[in-house]
């Protein structure tokens, strides 16, 4: 039987984000609960990542503007799943060169690949 472990993001400084075991969570950056440990998981050891977004177009994610996920996803080879509501879809987004597309975006009514 394979062991499944959940990891959650922790913001480090102004530009970096790491993922750590989802335990001992306390309010962190932006008031979001974060793990208070110091042992980050290597991105290559994560199979699937669920990514939040403000909006999307096709499989392009529009984030919150700080670039944490875009920087992290550059070194991530697993499955990238964006989660959004249908109402978050936009028709006229021009991706930036640093944007990382999702493998799938899941909304309440469809899966976009």
N, C-alpha and C. Protein backbone atom coordinates (compact mmCIF):
# COMPACT_ATOMS: atom_id res chain seq x y z
N UNK A 1 0.84 -1.18 0.00
CA UNK A 1 0.00 0.00 0.00
C UNK A 1 0.88 1.24 0.00
N UNK A 2 0.59 2.16 -0.91
CA UNK A 2 1.35 3.41 -0.98
C UNK A 2 0.86 4.38 0.08
N UNK A 3 1.79 5.10 0.66
CA UNK A 3 1.45 6.12 1.64
C UNK A 3 1.21 7.44 0.90
N UNK A 4 0.11 8.11 1.24
CA UNK A 4 -0.20 9.41 0.65
C UNK A 4 -0.02 10.47 1.72
N UNK A 5 0.79 11.44 1.45
CA UNK A 5 1.05 12.52 2.39
C UNK A 5 0.65 13.83 1.74
N UNK A 6 -0.03 14.67 2.49
CA UNK A 6 -0.44 15.98 1.98
C UNK A 6 0.58 17.03 2.40
N UNK A 7 0.88 17.91 1.47
CA UNK A 7 1.79 19.02 1.71
C UNK A 7 1.06 20.31 1.39
N UNK A 8 1.41 21.37 2.10
CA UNK A 8 0.81 22.68 1.87
C UNK A 8 1.92 23.72 1.70
N UNK A 9 1.60 24.83 1.03
CA UNK A 9 2.63 25.83 0.78
C UNK A 9 2.95 26.67 2.01
N UNK A 10 4.21 27.09 2.05
CA UNK A 10 4.67 28.04 3.06
C UNK A 10 5.50 29.09 2.33
N UNK A 11 5.16 30.35 2.55
CA UNK A 11 5.88 31.45 1.91
C UNK A 11 7.14 31.73 2.71
N UNK A 12 8.25 31.85 1.96
CA UNK A 12 9.55 32.15 2.56
C UNK A 12 10.01 33.47 1.96
N UNK A 13 10.10 34.50 2.76
CA UNK A 13 10.55 35.79 2.25
C UNK A 13 9.55 36.42 1.29
N UNK A 14 10.05 37.26 0.40
CA UNK A 14 9.20 38.00 -0.53
C UNK A 14 8.93 37.28 -1.84
N UNK A 15 9.73 36.24 -2.15
CA UNK A 15 9.60 35.65 -3.48
C UNK A 15 9.51 34.13 -3.52
N UNK A 16 9.79 33.46 -2.44
CA UNK A 16 9.89 32.00 -2.48
C UNK A 16 8.76 31.32 -1.73
N UNK A 17 8.39 30.16 -2.23
CA UNK A 17 7.39 29.32 -1.59
C UNK A 17 7.93 27.89 -1.60
N UNK A 18 7.72 27.17 -0.50
CA UNK A 18 8.08 25.76 -0.42
C UNK A 18 6.84 25.00 0.04
N UNK A 19 6.88 23.69 -0.07
CA UNK A 19 5.80 22.86 0.43
C UNK A 19 6.32 22.01 1.57
N UNK A 20 5.49 21.90 2.62
CA UNK A 20 5.84 21.14 3.81
C UNK A 20 4.66 20.28 4.22
N UNK A 21 4.92 19.28 5.05
CA UNK A 21 3.83 18.43 5.54
C UNK A 21 2.73 19.29 6.15
N UNK A 22 1.50 18.89 5.91
CA UNK A 22 0.34 19.64 6.40
C UNK A 22 0.09 19.31 7.86
N UNK A 23 0.96 19.82 8.72
CA UNK A 23 0.82 19.61 10.16
C UNK A 23 1.31 20.84 10.91
N UNK A 24 0.85 20.99 12.14
CA UNK A 24 1.22 22.16 12.96
C UNK A 24 0.98 23.47 12.21
N UNK A 25 -0.21 23.64 11.66
CA UNK A 25 -0.53 24.83 10.88
C UNK A 25 -0.84 26.01 11.79
N UNK A 26 -0.30 27.16 11.43
CA UNK A 26 -0.55 28.41 12.15
C UNK A 26 -0.67 29.52 11.13
N UNK A 27 -1.40 30.60 11.47
CA UNK A 27 -1.53 31.71 10.51
C UNK A 27 -0.16 32.22 10.07
N UNK A 28 0.00 32.34 8.76
CA UNK A 28 1.27 32.80 8.21
C UNK A 28 1.04 33.98 7.29
N UNK A 29 1.81 34.01 6.21
CA UNK A 29 1.71 35.08 5.24
C UNK A 29 0.29 35.20 4.71
N UNK A 30 -0.20 36.39 4.62
CA UNK A 30 -1.55 36.69 4.13
C UNK A 30 -2.63 36.11 5.04
N UNK A 31 -2.28 35.68 6.27
CA UNK A 31 -3.25 35.12 7.19
C UNK A 31 -3.66 33.70 6.88
N UNK A 32 -3.03 33.08 5.90
CA UNK A 32 -3.34 31.71 5.50
C UNK A 32 -2.58 30.74 6.41
N UNK A 33 -3.24 29.69 6.91
CA UNK A 33 -2.53 28.72 7.75
C UNK A 33 -1.37 28.08 6.98
N UNK A 34 -0.20 28.05 7.63
CA UNK A 34 1.01 27.47 7.05
C UNK A 34 1.66 26.55 8.07
N UNK A 35 2.43 25.55 7.62
CA UNK A 35 3.16 24.71 8.57
C UNK A 35 4.26 25.53 9.23
N UNK A 36 4.55 25.24 10.48
CA UNK A 36 5.59 26.02 11.15
C UNK A 36 6.92 25.28 11.21
N UNK A 37 7.04 24.16 10.51
CA UNK A 37 8.31 23.43 10.46
C UNK A 37 9.30 24.09 9.54
N UNK A 38 10.42 23.41 9.34
CA UNK A 38 11.48 23.95 8.48
C UNK A 38 11.92 22.97 7.39
N UNK A 39 11.33 21.78 7.36
CA UNK A 39 11.75 20.76 6.40
C UNK A 39 10.84 20.74 5.17
N UNK A 40 11.32 21.33 4.09
CA UNK A 40 10.55 21.41 2.84
C UNK A 40 10.74 20.12 2.04
N UNK A 41 9.73 19.79 1.25
CA UNK A 41 9.79 18.63 0.36
C UNK A 41 10.35 19.08 -0.99
N UNK A 42 11.16 18.26 -1.60
CA UNK A 42 11.69 18.52 -2.94
C UNK A 42 10.52 18.48 -3.93
N UNK A 43 10.38 19.48 -4.80
CA UNK A 43 9.27 19.49 -5.76
C UNK A 43 9.19 18.21 -6.60
N UNK A 44 10.32 17.57 -6.84
CA UNK A 44 10.34 16.35 -7.65
C UNK A 44 9.73 15.15 -6.92
N UNK A 45 9.47 15.28 -5.63
CA UNK A 45 8.86 14.19 -4.87
C UNK A 45 7.34 14.34 -4.75
N UNK A 46 6.79 15.37 -5.34
CA UNK A 46 5.34 15.61 -5.30
C UNK A 46 4.75 15.16 -6.63
N UNK A 47 3.69 14.36 -6.58
CA UNK A 47 3.07 13.84 -7.78
C UNK A 47 2.02 14.78 -8.38
N UNK A 48 1.23 15.43 -7.52
CA UNK A 48 0.12 16.27 -7.96
C UNK A 48 0.10 17.53 -7.11
N UNK A 49 -0.13 18.67 -7.76
CA UNK A 49 -0.27 19.92 -7.03
C UNK A 49 -1.59 20.57 -7.44
N UNK A 50 -2.34 21.03 -6.46
CA UNK A 50 -3.60 21.74 -6.70
C UNK A 50 -3.31 23.22 -6.51
N UNK A 51 -3.60 24.00 -7.54
CA UNK A 51 -3.18 25.40 -7.58
C UNK A 51 -4.38 26.33 -7.57
N UNK A 52 -4.39 27.31 -6.64
CA UNK A 52 -5.48 28.29 -6.62
C UNK A 52 -5.28 29.33 -7.72
N UNK A 53 -6.34 30.06 -8.03
CA UNK A 53 -6.22 31.08 -9.06
C UNK A 53 -7.29 32.15 -8.90
N UNK A 54 -7.03 33.30 -9.47
CA UNK A 54 -8.00 34.39 -9.50
C UNK A 54 -8.91 34.22 -10.71
N UNK A 55 -8.30 33.81 -11.83
CA UNK A 55 -9.04 33.62 -13.08
C UNK A 55 -8.25 32.66 -13.96
N UNK A 56 -8.86 32.30 -15.11
CA UNK A 56 -8.17 31.42 -16.04
C UNK A 56 -8.70 31.64 -17.45
N UNK A 57 -7.86 31.25 -18.42
CA UNK A 57 -8.26 31.20 -19.82
C UNK A 57 -7.62 29.95 -20.41
N UNK A 58 -8.46 29.06 -20.94
CA UNK A 58 -8.00 27.75 -21.40
C UNK A 58 -7.31 27.09 -20.21
N UNK A 59 -6.04 26.69 -20.33
CA UNK A 59 -5.35 26.11 -19.18
C UNK A 59 -4.37 27.10 -18.54
N UNK A 60 -4.47 28.35 -18.93
CA UNK A 60 -3.61 29.39 -18.34
C UNK A 60 -4.24 29.91 -17.06
N UNK A 61 -3.48 29.91 -16.01
CA UNK A 61 -3.91 30.37 -14.70
C UNK A 61 -3.50 31.82 -14.52
N UNK A 62 -4.40 32.60 -13.97
CA UNK A 62 -4.08 33.97 -13.57
C UNK A 62 -4.04 33.96 -12.06
N UNK A 63 -2.88 34.26 -11.50
CA UNK A 63 -2.69 34.16 -10.06
C UNK A 63 -2.98 35.45 -9.33
N UNK A 64 -2.41 35.53 -8.15
CA UNK A 64 -2.67 36.66 -7.27
C UNK A 64 -1.65 37.79 -7.42
N UNK A 65 -0.66 37.62 -8.31
CA UNK A 65 0.23 38.72 -8.64
C UNK A 65 1.62 38.70 -8.05
N UNK A 66 1.91 37.82 -7.12
CA UNK A 66 3.25 37.79 -6.51
C UNK A 66 4.17 36.80 -7.21
N UNK A 67 3.64 35.85 -7.99
CA UNK A 67 4.48 34.91 -8.74
C UNK A 67 4.99 33.71 -7.96
N UNK A 68 4.49 33.49 -6.74
CA UNK A 68 4.97 32.36 -5.94
C UNK A 68 4.80 31.03 -6.67
N UNK A 69 3.59 30.77 -7.17
CA UNK A 69 3.34 29.50 -7.85
C UNK A 69 4.11 29.40 -9.16
N UNK A 70 4.17 30.47 -9.94
CA UNK A 70 4.92 30.42 -11.20
C UNK A 70 6.38 30.06 -10.96
N UNK A 71 7.00 30.65 -9.95
CA UNK A 71 8.39 30.32 -9.65
C UNK A 71 8.52 28.87 -9.18
N UNK A 72 7.61 28.43 -8.30
CA UNK A 72 7.67 27.06 -7.78
C UNK A 72 7.45 26.04 -8.90
N UNK A 73 6.49 26.30 -9.76
CA UNK A 73 6.13 25.33 -10.80
C UNK A 73 7.20 25.17 -11.87
N UNK A 74 8.15 26.09 -11.96
CA UNK A 74 9.25 25.93 -12.92
C UNK A 74 10.05 24.66 -12.64
N UNK A 75 10.15 24.25 -11.38
CA UNK A 75 10.93 23.06 -11.03
C UNK A 75 10.04 21.88 -10.65
N UNK A 76 8.78 21.92 -11.05
CA UNK A 76 7.82 20.88 -10.71
C UNK A 76 7.42 20.12 -11.97
N UNK A 77 7.56 18.79 -11.94
CA UNK A 77 7.25 17.98 -13.12
C UNK A 77 5.97 17.16 -12.98
N UNK A 78 5.30 17.23 -11.84
CA UNK A 78 4.09 16.45 -11.62
C UNK A 78 2.87 17.05 -12.30
N UNK A 79 1.72 16.51 -11.97
CA UNK A 79 0.44 16.96 -12.52
C UNK A 79 0.01 18.26 -11.86
N UNK A 80 -0.27 19.29 -12.67
CA UNK A 80 -0.69 20.60 -12.18
C UNK A 80 -2.18 20.77 -12.42
N UNK A 81 -2.95 20.86 -11.35
CA UNK A 81 -4.40 20.99 -11.45
C UNK A 81 -4.82 22.33 -10.85
N UNK A 82 -5.46 23.14 -11.68
CA UNK A 82 -6.01 24.41 -11.21
C UNK A 82 -7.46 24.20 -10.80
N UNK A 83 -7.87 24.87 -9.75
CA UNK A 83 -9.23 24.78 -9.24
C UNK A 83 -9.87 26.16 -9.35
N UNK A 84 -11.06 26.22 -9.97
CA UNK A 84 -11.73 27.51 -10.15
C UNK A 84 -13.24 27.32 -10.29
N UNK A 85 -13.95 28.40 -10.19
CA UNK A 85 -15.38 28.43 -10.52
C UNK A 85 -15.50 28.80 -11.99
N UNK A 86 -16.57 28.38 -12.62
CA UNK A 86 -16.80 28.72 -14.03
C UNK A 86 -16.76 30.23 -14.26
N UNK A 87 -17.26 30.99 -13.31
CA UNK A 87 -17.33 32.45 -13.43
C UNK A 87 -15.96 33.11 -13.45
N UNK A 88 -14.91 32.38 -13.13
CA UNK A 88 -13.56 32.94 -13.13
C UNK A 88 -12.90 32.89 -14.51
N UNK A 89 -13.58 32.30 -15.48
CA UNK A 89 -13.01 32.21 -16.82
C UNK A 89 -13.05 33.58 -17.50
N UNK A 90 -11.95 33.94 -18.17
CA UNK A 90 -11.87 35.18 -18.92
C UNK A 90 -11.59 34.84 -20.38
N UNK A 91 -11.93 35.74 -21.28
CA UNK A 91 -11.78 35.47 -22.71
C UNK A 91 -10.57 36.14 -23.34
N UNK A 92 -9.93 37.06 -22.64
CA UNK A 92 -8.91 37.87 -23.30
C UNK A 92 -7.61 37.99 -22.51
N UNK A 93 -7.08 36.90 -22.04
CA UNK A 93 -5.83 36.93 -21.29
C UNK A 93 -4.66 36.59 -22.20
N UNK A 94 -3.62 37.38 -22.16
CA UNK A 94 -2.40 37.12 -22.91
C UNK A 94 -1.35 36.65 -21.90
N UNK A 95 -1.00 35.35 -21.93
CA UNK A 95 -0.03 34.83 -20.95
C UNK A 95 1.30 35.55 -21.03
N UNK A 96 1.93 35.71 -19.87
CA UNK A 96 3.27 36.28 -19.78
C UNK A 96 4.28 35.16 -19.94
N UNK A 97 5.52 35.50 -20.26
CA UNK A 97 6.53 34.47 -20.49
C UNK A 97 6.83 33.65 -19.24
N UNK A 98 6.58 34.18 -18.05
CA UNK A 98 6.84 33.44 -16.82
C UNK A 98 5.66 32.57 -16.38
N UNK A 99 4.51 32.71 -17.03
CA UNK A 99 3.32 31.94 -16.66
C UNK A 99 3.50 30.45 -16.99
N UNK A 100 3.02 29.61 -16.11
CA UNK A 100 3.09 28.16 -16.29
C UNK A 100 1.66 27.65 -16.50
N UNK A 101 1.38 26.99 -17.62
CA UNK A 101 0.02 26.48 -17.83
C UNK A 101 -0.27 25.28 -16.94
N UNK A 102 -1.52 25.08 -16.61
CA UNK A 102 -1.94 23.92 -15.84
C UNK A 102 -2.15 22.75 -16.80
N UNK A 103 -2.03 21.53 -16.27
CA UNK A 103 -2.36 20.36 -17.07
C UNK A 103 -3.87 20.22 -17.20
N UNK A 104 -4.57 20.63 -16.15
CA UNK A 104 -6.04 20.61 -16.13
C UNK A 104 -6.52 21.75 -15.25
N UNK A 105 -7.69 22.25 -15.59
CA UNK A 105 -8.40 23.16 -14.69
C UNK A 105 -9.75 22.52 -14.45
N UNK A 106 -10.10 22.41 -13.17
CA UNK A 106 -11.36 21.78 -12.80
C UNK A 106 -12.28 22.84 -12.23
N UNK A 107 -13.48 22.90 -12.80
CA UNK A 107 -14.53 23.80 -12.30
C UNK A 107 -15.69 22.90 -11.83
N UNK A 108 -16.72 23.47 -11.22
CA UNK A 108 -17.85 22.64 -10.80
C UNK A 108 -18.56 21.92 -11.96
N UNK A 109 -18.41 22.41 -13.20
CA UNK A 109 -19.14 21.80 -14.31
C UNK A 109 -18.28 21.13 -15.38
N UNK A 110 -16.96 21.28 -15.32
CA UNK A 110 -16.15 20.69 -16.38
C UNK A 110 -14.68 20.54 -16.00
N UNK A 111 -14.00 19.79 -16.81
CA UNK A 111 -12.55 19.62 -16.70
C UNK A 111 -11.96 20.10 -18.02
N UNK A 112 -11.04 21.08 -17.94
CA UNK A 112 -10.44 21.68 -19.12
C UNK A 112 -9.02 21.14 -19.23
N UNK A 113 -8.69 20.58 -20.40
CA UNK A 113 -7.34 20.04 -20.60
C UNK A 113 -6.69 20.69 -21.81
